[in-house]
């Protein structure tokens, strides 16, 4: 599983990255977490507001900072 955090590197993007790592640990899921900061790459996903969470190339959230429990629920649906 590859998880991408799309964003400029702002505080919200950093928080989403941290929350994603916590959620992965809670769910017992192994995944590669990548940060995507290039605006052209972000726009290629059709995302206009960041931070965004992409799991296996599917945008599952954008424009908000998800809490770890919310991310765990998403991980359960994509596995």
N, C-alpha and C. Protein backbone atom coordinates (compact mmCIF):
# COMPACT_ATOMS: atom_id res chain seq x y z
N UNK A 1 0.85 -1.17 0.00
CA UNK A 1 0.00 0.00 0.00
C UNK A 1 0.89 1.24 0.00
N UNK A 2 0.54 2.17 -0.84
CA UNK A 2 1.27 3.44 -0.90
C UNK A 2 0.29 4.56 -0.54
N UNK A 3 0.67 5.34 0.45
CA UNK A 3 -0.15 6.46 0.91
C UNK A 3 0.61 7.74 0.62
N UNK A 4 -0.07 8.68 -0.02
CA UNK A 4 0.54 9.97 -0.33
C UNK A 4 -0.21 11.07 0.39
N UNK A 5 0.55 11.99 0.95
CA UNK A 5 0.00 13.20 1.56
C UNK A 5 0.30 14.33 0.59
N UNK A 6 -0.74 14.93 0.04
CA UNK A 6 -0.56 16.02 -0.92
C UNK A 6 -0.67 17.35 -0.18
N UNK A 7 0.31 18.21 -0.38
CA UNK A 7 0.26 19.52 0.24
C UNK A 7 1.59 20.23 0.17
N UNK A 8 1.57 21.49 0.55
CA UNK A 8 2.75 22.35 0.43
C UNK A 8 3.78 22.13 1.53
N UNK A 9 3.41 21.35 2.54
CA UNK A 9 4.31 21.17 3.68
C UNK A 9 3.89 22.05 4.85
N UNK A 10 2.68 22.58 4.79
CA UNK A 10 2.16 23.45 5.86
C UNK A 10 1.89 22.62 7.12
N UNK A 11 1.51 23.31 8.18
CA UNK A 11 1.25 22.65 9.46
C UNK A 11 0.18 21.57 9.32
N UNK A 12 -0.88 21.84 8.57
CA UNK A 12 -1.95 20.86 8.39
C UNK A 12 -1.44 19.61 7.66
N UNK A 13 -0.56 19.80 6.70
CA UNK A 13 0.00 18.67 5.97
C UNK A 13 0.86 17.80 6.88
N UNK A 14 1.64 18.46 7.72
CA UNK A 14 2.50 17.75 8.66
C UNK A 14 1.63 16.97 9.66
N UNK A 15 0.57 17.60 10.14
CA UNK A 15 -0.33 16.94 11.09
C UNK A 15 -1.00 15.74 10.46
N UNK A 16 -1.45 15.87 9.21
CA UNK A 16 -2.08 14.75 8.52
C UNK A 16 -1.09 13.60 8.35
N UNK A 17 0.16 13.91 8.06
CA UNK A 17 1.19 12.88 7.93
C UNK A 17 1.37 12.14 9.25
N UNK A 18 1.47 12.90 10.34
CA UNK A 18 1.63 12.29 11.67
C UNK A 18 0.42 11.44 12.03
N UNK A 19 -0.78 11.95 11.77
CA UNK A 19 -2.01 11.21 12.07
C UNK A 19 -2.10 9.93 11.24
N UNK A 20 -1.62 9.98 10.01
CA UNK A 20 -1.64 8.80 9.15
C UNK A 20 -0.71 7.73 9.71
N UNK A 21 0.45 8.12 10.17
CA UNK A 21 1.39 7.16 10.75
C UNK A 21 0.83 6.53 12.02
N UNK A 22 0.15 7.33 12.84
CA UNK A 22 -0.49 6.80 14.04
C UNK A 22 -1.58 5.80 13.66
N UNK A 23 -2.38 6.16 12.65
CA UNK A 23 -3.47 5.28 12.20
C UNK A 23 -2.93 3.96 11.66
N UNK A 24 -1.85 4.01 10.92
CA UNK A 24 -1.24 2.79 10.39
C UNK A 24 -0.80 1.88 11.53
N UNK A 25 -0.19 2.46 12.55
CA UNK A 25 0.25 1.67 13.70
C UNK A 25 -0.94 1.07 14.44
N UNK A 26 -2.00 1.86 14.63
CA UNK A 26 -3.20 1.37 15.32
C UNK A 26 -3.86 0.24 14.54
N UNK A 27 -3.88 0.36 13.22
CA UNK A 27 -4.55 -0.64 12.38
C UNK A 27 -3.65 -1.84 12.09
N UNK A 28 -2.37 -1.71 12.41
CA UNK A 28 -1.43 -2.80 12.12
C UNK A 28 -1.19 -2.97 10.63
N UNK A 29 -1.24 -1.86 9.91
CA UNK A 29 -1.07 -1.88 8.45
C UNK A 29 0.31 -1.35 8.09
N UNK A 30 0.96 -2.04 7.17
CA UNK A 30 2.26 -1.59 6.67
C UNK A 30 2.02 -0.86 5.35
N UNK A 31 2.56 0.34 5.26
CA UNK A 31 2.40 1.13 4.04
C UNK A 31 3.57 2.09 3.91
N UNK A 32 3.83 2.47 2.69
CA UNK A 32 4.84 3.50 2.42
C UNK A 32 4.11 4.85 2.42
N UNK A 33 4.59 5.78 3.25
CA UNK A 33 3.98 7.11 3.32
C UNK A 33 4.89 8.09 2.61
N UNK A 34 4.34 8.77 1.63
CA UNK A 34 5.11 9.73 0.82
C UNK A 34 4.46 11.10 0.90
N UNK A 35 5.30 12.14 0.87
CA UNK A 35 4.79 13.51 0.80
C UNK A 35 4.93 13.99 -0.64
N UNK A 36 3.88 14.61 -1.15
CA UNK A 36 3.90 15.18 -2.50
C UNK A 36 3.68 16.68 -2.33
N UNK A 37 4.70 17.45 -2.67
CA UNK A 37 4.63 18.90 -2.47
C UNK A 37 4.61 19.69 -3.78
N UNK A 38 4.92 19.05 -4.88
CA UNK A 38 4.95 19.75 -6.17
C UNK A 38 3.52 20.07 -6.62
N UNK A 39 3.26 21.34 -6.89
CA UNK A 39 1.90 21.79 -7.23
C UNK A 39 1.37 21.10 -8.49
N UNK A 40 2.23 20.85 -9.46
CA UNK A 40 1.79 20.17 -10.68
C UNK A 40 1.36 18.74 -10.38
N UNK A 41 2.10 18.05 -9.53
CA UNK A 41 1.74 16.68 -9.14
C UNK A 41 0.42 16.66 -8.37
N UNK A 42 0.24 17.64 -7.49
CA UNK A 42 -0.99 17.73 -6.71
C UNK A 42 -2.18 17.97 -7.64
N UNK A 43 -2.02 18.89 -8.57
CA UNK A 43 -3.10 19.22 -9.50
C UNK A 43 -3.46 18.02 -10.39
N UNK A 44 -2.49 17.14 -10.65
CA UNK A 44 -2.75 15.96 -11.47
C UNK A 44 -3.79 15.03 -10.82
N UNK A 45 -3.93 15.13 -9.51
CA UNK A 45 -4.94 14.34 -8.80
C UNK A 45 -6.31 15.03 -8.79
N UNK A 46 -6.38 16.24 -9.33
CA UNK A 46 -7.63 16.98 -9.34
C UNK A 46 -7.97 17.59 -7.99
N UNK A 47 -6.98 17.71 -7.14
CA UNK A 47 -7.17 18.25 -5.80
C UNK A 47 -6.88 19.74 -5.82
N UNK A 48 -7.85 20.53 -5.36
CA UNK A 48 -7.66 21.98 -5.34
C UNK A 48 -7.47 22.53 -3.93
N UNK A 49 -7.75 21.71 -2.92
CA UNK A 49 -7.52 22.15 -1.54
C UNK A 49 -6.77 21.05 -0.79
N UNK A 50 -5.75 21.48 -0.07
CA UNK A 50 -4.90 20.54 0.65
C UNK A 50 -5.07 20.76 2.14
N UNK A 51 -4.68 19.82 2.96
CA UNK A 51 -3.98 18.59 2.61
C UNK A 51 -4.94 17.55 2.03
N UNK A 52 -4.38 16.62 1.28
CA UNK A 52 -5.17 15.54 0.71
C UNK A 52 -4.50 14.21 1.04
N UNK A 53 -5.32 13.19 1.15
CA UNK A 53 -4.84 11.85 1.45
C UNK A 53 -5.16 10.95 0.26
N UNK A 54 -4.12 10.31 -0.27
CA UNK A 54 -4.28 9.43 -1.44
C UNK A 54 -3.79 8.05 -1.03
N UNK A 55 -4.64 7.05 -1.22
CA UNK A 55 -4.27 5.66 -0.91
C UNK A 55 -4.32 4.87 -2.21
N UNK A 56 -3.18 4.29 -2.57
CA UNK A 56 -3.05 3.51 -3.80
C UNK A 56 -3.65 4.27 -4.99
N UNK A 57 -3.24 5.53 -5.12
CA UNK A 57 -3.60 6.41 -6.23
C UNK A 57 -5.07 6.84 -6.25
N UNK A 58 -5.81 6.60 -5.16
CA UNK A 58 -7.19 7.05 -5.07
C UNK A 58 -7.30 8.13 -4.00
N UNK A 59 -7.82 9.29 -4.37
CA UNK A 59 -8.00 10.39 -3.41
C UNK A 59 -9.15 10.00 -2.48
N UNK A 60 -8.85 9.90 -1.18
CA UNK A 60 -9.87 9.51 -0.21
C UNK A 60 -10.29 10.67 0.70
N UNK A 61 -9.52 11.75 0.70
CA UNK A 61 -9.87 12.91 1.51
C UNK A 61 -9.07 14.11 1.02
N UNK A 62 -9.69 15.29 1.10
CA UNK A 62 -8.95 16.51 0.78
C UNK A 62 -9.57 17.69 1.51
N UNK A 63 -8.74 18.68 1.79
CA UNK A 63 -9.21 19.92 2.39
C UNK A 63 -9.42 19.87 3.89
N UNK A 64 -9.04 18.74 4.53
CA UNK A 64 -9.19 18.68 5.98
C UNK A 64 -8.14 17.76 6.58
N UNK A 65 -7.90 17.97 7.87
CA UNK A 65 -6.95 17.13 8.60
C UNK A 65 -7.75 16.05 9.31
N UNK A 66 -7.61 14.83 8.83
CA UNK A 66 -8.32 13.71 9.44
C UNK A 66 -7.65 13.30 10.75
N UNK A 67 -8.46 12.86 11.69
CA UNK A 67 -7.94 12.31 12.94
C UNK A 67 -7.54 10.86 12.71
N UNK A 68 -6.63 10.32 13.52
CA UNK A 68 -6.19 8.93 13.32
C UNK A 68 -7.34 7.93 13.22
N UNK A 69 -8.38 8.06 14.06
CA UNK A 69 -9.50 7.13 14.02
C UNK A 69 -10.24 7.19 12.68
N UNK A 70 -10.35 8.39 12.10
CA UNK A 70 -10.99 8.53 10.79
C UNK A 70 -10.17 7.83 9.71
N UNK A 71 -8.87 7.94 9.82
CA UNK A 71 -7.98 7.31 8.85
C UNK A 71 -8.04 5.79 8.98
N UNK A 72 -8.13 5.29 10.21
CA UNK A 72 -8.25 3.85 10.42
C UNK A 72 -9.51 3.32 9.72
N UNK A 73 -10.63 4.05 9.83
CA UNK A 73 -11.87 3.64 9.16
C UNK A 73 -11.68 3.57 7.65
N UNK A 74 -10.98 4.55 7.09
CA UNK A 74 -10.72 4.55 5.65
C UNK A 74 -9.85 3.37 5.28
N UNK A 75 -8.82 3.11 6.08
CA UNK A 75 -7.92 1.98 5.80
C UNK A 75 -8.69 0.66 5.80
N UNK A 76 -9.65 0.52 6.68
CA UNK A 76 -10.45 -0.71 6.73
C UNK A 76 -11.27 -0.91 5.47
N UNK A 77 -11.70 0.18 4.84
CA UNK A 77 -12.53 0.05 3.64
C UNK A 77 -11.70 -0.19 2.38
N UNK A 78 -10.43 0.17 2.38
CA UNK A 78 -9.62 0.01 1.17
C UNK A 78 -8.78 -1.26 1.16
N UNK A 79 -8.74 -1.96 2.26
CA UNK A 79 -7.94 -3.19 2.32
C UNK A 79 -8.60 -4.33 1.62
